[in-house]
Amino acid sequence: MKMIPLKNTDLTISRLCAGAMGLGGGWQPNTELSTRDEDQARNFIRTALDLGINFFDHADIYAVTRAEAVFGRILRETPSLRDRMVLQSKCGIRWKDDPPGTPQRFDFSKEHILRSTEASLRRLNTDHLDILLLHRPDALAEGEEIAQAFETLRSSGKVRYFGVSNQNRDQVAYLQSFLSQPLVVNQVEMSLLHHGFAEAGISFNQFPARYPNGWEGLVEYCSLKGVSLQAWSPLARGVVTNTQAADPRHRATAELVTRLAADHGVAPEALALAWL
């Protein structure tokens, strides 16, 4: 596994990151973790580490908090595993009725960031996160308040570095203007089926542009500022390798990926990842 330095940090991470959203037994609320869930998490962690993957990505909402909880159970039974990991988690999405009567929303208030991070640390059975990301943009966010939360977490040793997820260039720049420490990550959806980041540099000033609003300048800004772009769902949930996909466009993509992978003697998934 190729290891790379994460810009603006002292972290060395595997080029591939193991996403933990599939742990914890699904998204049904009020469900207890099972022995099967623990076995899955244990195998997931061991397999990733055996392959040289040291970078693990979480979010407080995954499997309604159970993804972090089951991961933490494995760290509790084998504490030495933590020293072999770079742990990243995310906060900022709140479910409907949290608290009762409130809608689902995004919340970057200082109170929520601090409370959510403390809860993630307890569930993960660790005293610090290497990286904390703000999960999706909060239109009501106050930059000063986020900066206060970040400084509280950094100075207490509970979070080493900070980043964002699903934010455009201006949103990243706005938040950075309040911070003394550089943002180090922007995690966005990127794949063969979600390629606005590439189209923005190809079809700009053409009509119609073949990319969604928000991508213009993001790749260049992040490169200039040392903000690492992380791809979430880089395999498009398996669609780009599913030659039986119902959508003919997806099926054509998968057939091309499969054919090119065979030409190069690699798995289709490897080719789809290499494109990024």
Protein backbone atom coordinates (compact mmCIF):
# COMPACT_ATOMS: atom_id res chain seq x y z
CA MET A 1 0.00 0.00 0.00
CA LYS A 2 1.38 3.39 -0.96
CA MET A 3 1.71 5.77 1.99
CA ILE A 4 1.52 9.53 1.51
CA PRO A 5 2.07 12.54 3.77
CA LEU A 6 -1.12 14.49 4.46
CA LYS A 7 -0.35 18.10 3.61
CA ASN A 8 -0.18 20.63 6.44
CA THR A 9 0.04 17.82 9.03
CA ASP A 10 2.62 15.40 10.42
CA LEU A 11 0.38 12.46 9.48
CA THR A 12 1.33 9.73 7.04
CA ILE A 13 -1.73 8.00 5.65
CA SER A 14 -2.46 5.14 3.29
CA ARG A 15 -3.56 6.29 -0.14
CA LEU A 16 -6.78 4.35 0.38
CA CYS A 17 -9.03 5.17 3.32
CA ALA A 18 -11.29 2.52 4.87
CA GLY A 19 -14.77 3.98 5.23
CA ALA A 20 -16.72 2.66 8.20
CA MET A 21 -20.26 3.60 7.15
CA GLY A 22 -21.13 -0.07 6.53
CA LEU A 23 -20.38 -1.11 10.11
CA GLY A 24 -22.89 -1.24 12.94
CA GLY A 25 -25.77 -3.26 11.51
CA GLY A 26 -27.60 -0.71 9.36
CA TRP A 27 -29.56 2.48 9.87
CA GLN A 28 -32.51 1.33 11.96
CA PRO A 29 -32.66 3.32 15.22
CA ASN A 30 -32.84 1.74 18.67
CA THR A 31 -31.01 -1.41 17.58
CA GLU A 32 -28.45 -3.18 19.76
CA LEU A 33 -25.09 -4.26 18.40
CA SER A 34 -24.75 -7.98 17.88
CA THR A 35 -21.88 -10.44 17.98
CA ARG A 36 -22.11 -10.53 14.20
CA ASP A 37 -21.64 -6.76 14.08
CA GLU A 38 -18.54 -7.10 16.27
CA ASP A 39 -17.14 -9.87 14.08
CA GLN A 40 -17.69 -7.72 10.99
CA ALA A 41 -15.89 -4.75 12.57
CA ARG A 42 -13.03 -6.91 13.79
CA ASN A 43 -12.52 -8.45 10.35
CA PHE A 44 -12.84 -5.05 8.68
CA ILE A 45 -10.15 -3.50 10.87
CA ARG A 46 -7.77 -6.46 10.71
CA THR A 47 -8.11 -6.84 6.94
CA ALA A 48 -7.51 -3.12 6.34
CA LEU A 49 -4.42 -3.07 8.53
CA ASP A 50 -3.09 -6.28 6.98
CA LEU A 51 -3.41 -4.62 3.56
CA GLY A 52 -1.46 -1.61 4.78
CA ILE A 53 -4.47 0.70 5.14
CA ASN A 54 -4.03 2.80 8.29
CA PHE A 55 -6.62 5.50 7.56
CA PHE A 56 -10.19 5.01 8.83
CA ASP A 57 -13.12 7.35 8.18
CA HIS A 58 -16.19 7.66 10.43
CA ALA A 59 -19.10 9.99 11.07
CA ASP A 60 -21.20 10.38 14.18
CA ILE A 61 -24.37 9.55 12.22
CA TYR A 62 -23.18 6.33 10.56
CA ALA A 63 -25.53 3.48 11.49
CA VAL A 64 -27.12 5.92 13.97
CA THR A 65 -23.86 6.10 16.01
CA ARG A 66 -23.37 2.30 16.03
CA ALA A 67 -20.56 2.32 13.44
CA GLU A 68 -18.35 4.26 15.82
CA ALA A 69 -19.56 2.22 18.79
CA VAL A 70 -18.72 -1.18 17.32
CA PHE A 71 -15.35 0.10 16.08
CA GLY A 72 -14.65 1.30 19.60
CA ARG A 73 -15.46 -2.12 21.03
CA ILE A 74 -12.68 -3.61 18.92
CA LEU A 75 -10.26 -0.93 20.09
CA ARG A 76 -11.28 -1.66 23.67
CA GLU A 77 -10.48 -5.35 23.32
CA THR A 78 -7.16 -4.64 21.53
CA PRO A 79 -6.00 -1.11 22.52
CA SER A 80 -2.69 -1.43 20.67
CA LEU A 81 -4.55 -1.20 17.34
CA ARG A 82 -5.14 2.51 17.90
CA ASP A 83 -1.43 3.29 17.53
CA ARG A 84 -1.52 1.84 14.02
CA MET A 85 -4.39 4.06 12.87
CA VAL A 86 -5.20 7.53 11.67
CA LEU A 87 -8.79 8.13 12.79
CA GLN A 88 -11.08 10.64 11.12
CA SER A 89 -14.69 11.38 11.98
CA LYS A 90 -17.33 13.91 11.03
CA CYS A 91 -20.08 15.88 12.74
CA GLY A 92 -22.74 18.43 11.87
CA ILE A 93 -25.74 16.41 10.63
CA ARG A 94 -28.60 16.15 13.10
CA TRP A 95 -31.57 13.84 12.74
CA LYS A 96 -35.20 14.84 12.94
CA ASP A 97 -36.47 14.97 16.55
CA ASP A 98 -33.01 15.58 18.02
CA PRO A 99 -34.29 17.01 20.32
CA PRO A 100 -38.00 16.12 19.92
CA GLY A 101 -39.92 18.41 17.61
CA THR A 102 -36.92 19.63 15.61
CA PRO A 103 -36.34 18.94 11.89
CA GLN A 104 -33.37 17.18 10.33
CA ARG A 105 -30.73 19.83 9.80
CA PHE A 106 -27.06 20.75 9.74
CA ASP A 107 -25.61 22.24 12.93
CA PHE A 108 -22.16 23.82 13.18
CA SER A 109 -22.80 25.54 16.49
CA LYS A 110 -19.96 25.43 19.01
CA GLU A 111 -22.17 23.52 21.44
CA HIS A 112 -23.02 20.80 18.93
CA ILE A 113 -19.48 20.42 17.57
CA LEU A 114 -18.09 19.98 21.08
CA ARG A 115 -20.86 17.66 22.27
CA SER A 116 -20.74 15.53 19.12
CA THR A 117 -16.95 15.19 19.23
CA GLU A 118 -16.98 14.17 22.88
CA ALA A 119 -19.58 11.52 22.08
CA SER A 120 -17.52 10.20 19.15
CA LEU A 121 -14.44 9.92 21.36
CA ARG A 122 -16.41 7.90 23.91
CA ARG A 123 -17.87 5.60 21.29
CA LEU A 124 -14.53 5.08 19.54
CA ASN A 125 -12.78 4.43 22.85
CA THR A 126 -9.99 6.89 22.08
CA ASP A 127 -8.75 10.08 23.67
CA HIS A 128 -8.33 11.96 20.41
CA LEU A 129 -9.28 12.16 16.75
CA ASP A 130 -6.54 12.75 14.25
CA ILE A 131 -8.93 14.63 11.95
CA LEU A 132 -12.42 16.06 12.47
CA LEU A 133 -14.53 17.12 9.48
CA LEU A 134 -17.66 19.25 9.35
CA HIS A 135 -20.00 16.96 7.46
CA ARG A 136 -22.17 19.18 5.25
CA PRO A 137 -22.49 22.95 4.93
CA ASP A 138 -24.63 24.69 7.54
CA ALA A 139 -26.15 27.82 5.99
CA LEU A 140 -26.58 29.32 9.47
CA ALA A 141 -22.99 28.68 10.57
CA GLU A 142 -21.00 31.41 12.29
CA GLY A 143 -17.31 31.27 11.44
CA GLU A 144 -16.28 32.72 14.80
CA GLU A 145 -18.21 30.04 16.65
CA ILE A 146 -16.68 27.22 14.61
CA ALA A 147 -13.21 28.67 15.25
CA GLN A 148 -13.88 28.70 18.99
CA ALA A 149 -14.98 25.07 18.91
CA PHE A 150 -11.94 24.02 16.90
CA GLU A 151 -9.55 25.84 19.23
CA THR A 152 -11.16 24.25 22.29
CA LEU A 153 -10.76 20.79 20.78
CA ARG A 154 -7.21 21.44 19.53
CA SER A 155 -5.89 22.98 22.74
CA SER A 156 -7.34 20.14 24.82
CA GLY A 157 -5.66 17.53 22.60
CA LYS A 158 -8.96 15.99 21.56
CA VAL A 159 -8.58 16.77 17.83
CA ARG A 160 -5.30 17.28 16.01
CA TYR A 161 -6.44 18.58 12.61
CA PHE A 162 -9.64 19.85 11.00
CA GLY A 163 -11.35 19.79 7.64
CA VAL A 164 -14.70 19.89 5.90
CA SER A 165 -16.87 17.72 3.71
CA ASN A 166 -19.03 18.63 0.72
CA GLN A 167 -18.01 22.29 0.64
CA ASN A 168 -17.29 24.49 -2.36
CA ARG A 169 -14.30 26.79 -2.77
CA ASP A 170 -15.92 29.86 -1.26
CA GLN A 171 -17.27 27.96 1.74
CA VAL A 172 -13.82 26.55 2.47
CA ALA A 173 -12.19 29.97 2.05
CA TYR A 174 -14.79 31.63 4.27
CA LEU A 175 -14.25 29.18 7.11
CA GLN A 176 -10.46 29.30 6.74
CA SER A 177 -10.53 33.07 7.22
CA PHE A 178 -11.56 32.54 10.85
CA LEU A 179 -9.02 29.85 11.68
CA SER A 180 -5.42 30.01 12.84
CA GLN A 181 -4.80 26.41 11.77
CA PRO A 182 -5.15 25.33 8.12
CA LEU A 183 -8.00 23.14 7.02
CA VAL A 184 -6.41 19.94 5.74
CA VAL A 185 -9.23 17.99 4.06
CA ASN A 186 -12.31 18.51 1.92
CA GLN A 187 -14.17 15.22 1.46
CA VAL A 188 -16.43 15.31 -1.60
CA GLU A 189 -18.15 12.77 -3.82
CA MET A 190 -15.92 11.90 -6.76
CA SER A 191 -16.20 8.94 -9.13
CA LEU A 192 -16.64 8.03 -12.79
CA LEU A 193 -20.33 8.85 -12.34
CA HIS A 194 -19.77 11.98 -10.23
CA HIS A 195 -17.07 13.82 -12.11
CA GLY A 196 -17.93 17.51 -11.91
CA PHE A 197 -14.49 18.17 -10.47
CA ALA A 198 -12.94 17.10 -13.79
CA GLU A 199 -15.62 18.59 -16.04
CA ALA A 200 -15.15 22.02 -14.43
CA GLY A 201 -11.71 22.19 -15.97
CA ILE A 202 -12.84 20.88 -19.35
CA SER A 203 -16.22 22.34 -20.25
CA PHE A 204 -15.96 25.78 -18.59
CA ASN A 205 -17.27 28.49 -20.91
CA GLN A 206 -19.12 25.95 -23.02
CA PHE A 207 -22.89 25.88 -23.25
CA PRO A 208 -24.27 24.06 -21.54
CA ALA A 209 -21.53 23.38 -19.02
CA ARG A 210 -21.44 19.68 -18.13
CA TYR A 211 -20.91 20.02 -14.42
CA PRO A 212 -23.03 21.08 -11.42
CA ASN A 213 -22.62 24.48 -9.84
CA GLY A 214 -20.01 24.71 -7.11
CA TRP A 215 -17.08 22.91 -8.71
CA GLU A 216 -15.46 25.89 -10.42
CA GLY A 217 -12.06 26.55 -8.87
CA LEU A 218 -12.38 24.00 -6.06
CA VAL A 219 -9.64 21.67 -7.24
CA GLU A 220 -7.28 24.57 -7.92
CA TYR A 221 -8.05 26.28 -4.59
CA CYS A 222 -7.46 23.10 -2.60
CA SER A 223 -4.21 22.44 -4.45
CA LEU A 224 -2.93 25.97 -3.78
CA LYS A 225 -3.86 25.86 -0.10
CA GLY A 226 -2.75 22.30 0.63
CA VAL A 227 -6.29 21.06 1.31
CA SER A 228 -6.40 17.37 0.40
CA LEU A 229 -9.43 16.28 -1.60
CA GLN A 230 -10.84 12.99 -0.34
CA ALA A 231 -13.24 11.04 -2.55
CA TRP A 232 -16.30 9.56 -0.92
CA SER A 233 -18.15 6.80 -2.76
CA PRO A 234 -15.33 6.50 -5.35
CA LEU A 235 -16.88 3.30 -6.72
CA ALA A 236 -20.36 4.87 -6.87
CA ARG A 237 -21.70 2.16 -4.57
CA GLY A 238 -20.59 -0.52 -7.00
CA VAL A 239 -22.46 0.90 -9.99
CA VAL A 240 -19.32 1.58 -12.06
CA THR A 241 -18.42 -2.12 -11.98
CA ASN A 242 -21.93 -3.57 -12.31
CA THR A 243 -22.32 -4.75 -15.89
CA GLN A 244 -25.94 -5.70 -15.11
CA ALA A 245 -26.95 -2.19 -14.03
CA ALA A 246 -30.48 -1.20 -14.99
CA ASP A 247 -29.51 2.23 -16.31
CA PRO A 248 -27.99 1.76 -19.80
CA ARG A 249 -25.50 4.61 -19.19
CA HIS A 250 -24.27 2.96 -16.00
CA ARG A 251 -24.11 -0.40 -17.74
CA ALA A 252 -22.03 1.07 -20.57
CA THR A 253 -19.63 2.62 -18.06
CA ALA A 254 -19.28 -0.67 -16.19
CA GLU A 255 -18.68 -2.59 -19.42
CA LEU A 256 -15.92 -0.16 -20.42
CA VAL A 257 -14.33 -0.32 -16.96
CA THR A 258 -14.44 -4.12 -17.01
CA ARG A 259 -12.90 -4.31 -20.49
CA LEU A 260 -10.08 -1.87 -19.69
CA ALA A 261 -9.39 -3.63 -16.40
CA ALA A 262 -9.02 -6.92 -18.22
CA ASP A 263 -6.62 -5.30 -20.70
CA HIS A 264 -4.44 -4.17 -17.79
CA GLY A 265 -4.80 -7.37 -15.77
CA VAL A 266 -6.40 -5.70 -12.75
CA ALA A 267 -9.77 -5.79 -10.99
CA PRO A 268 -12.44 -3.40 -12.30
CA GLU A 269 -12.51 -1.69 -8.90
CA ALA A 270 -8.77 -1.01 -9.12
CA LEU A 271 -9.18 0.68 -12.49
CA ALA A 272 -12.09 2.84 -11.29
CA LEU A 273 -10.01 3.98 -8.31
CA ALA A 274 -6.93 4.59 -10.45
CA TRP A 275 -8.97 6.98 -12.64
CA LEU A 276 -9.23 9.28 -9.64
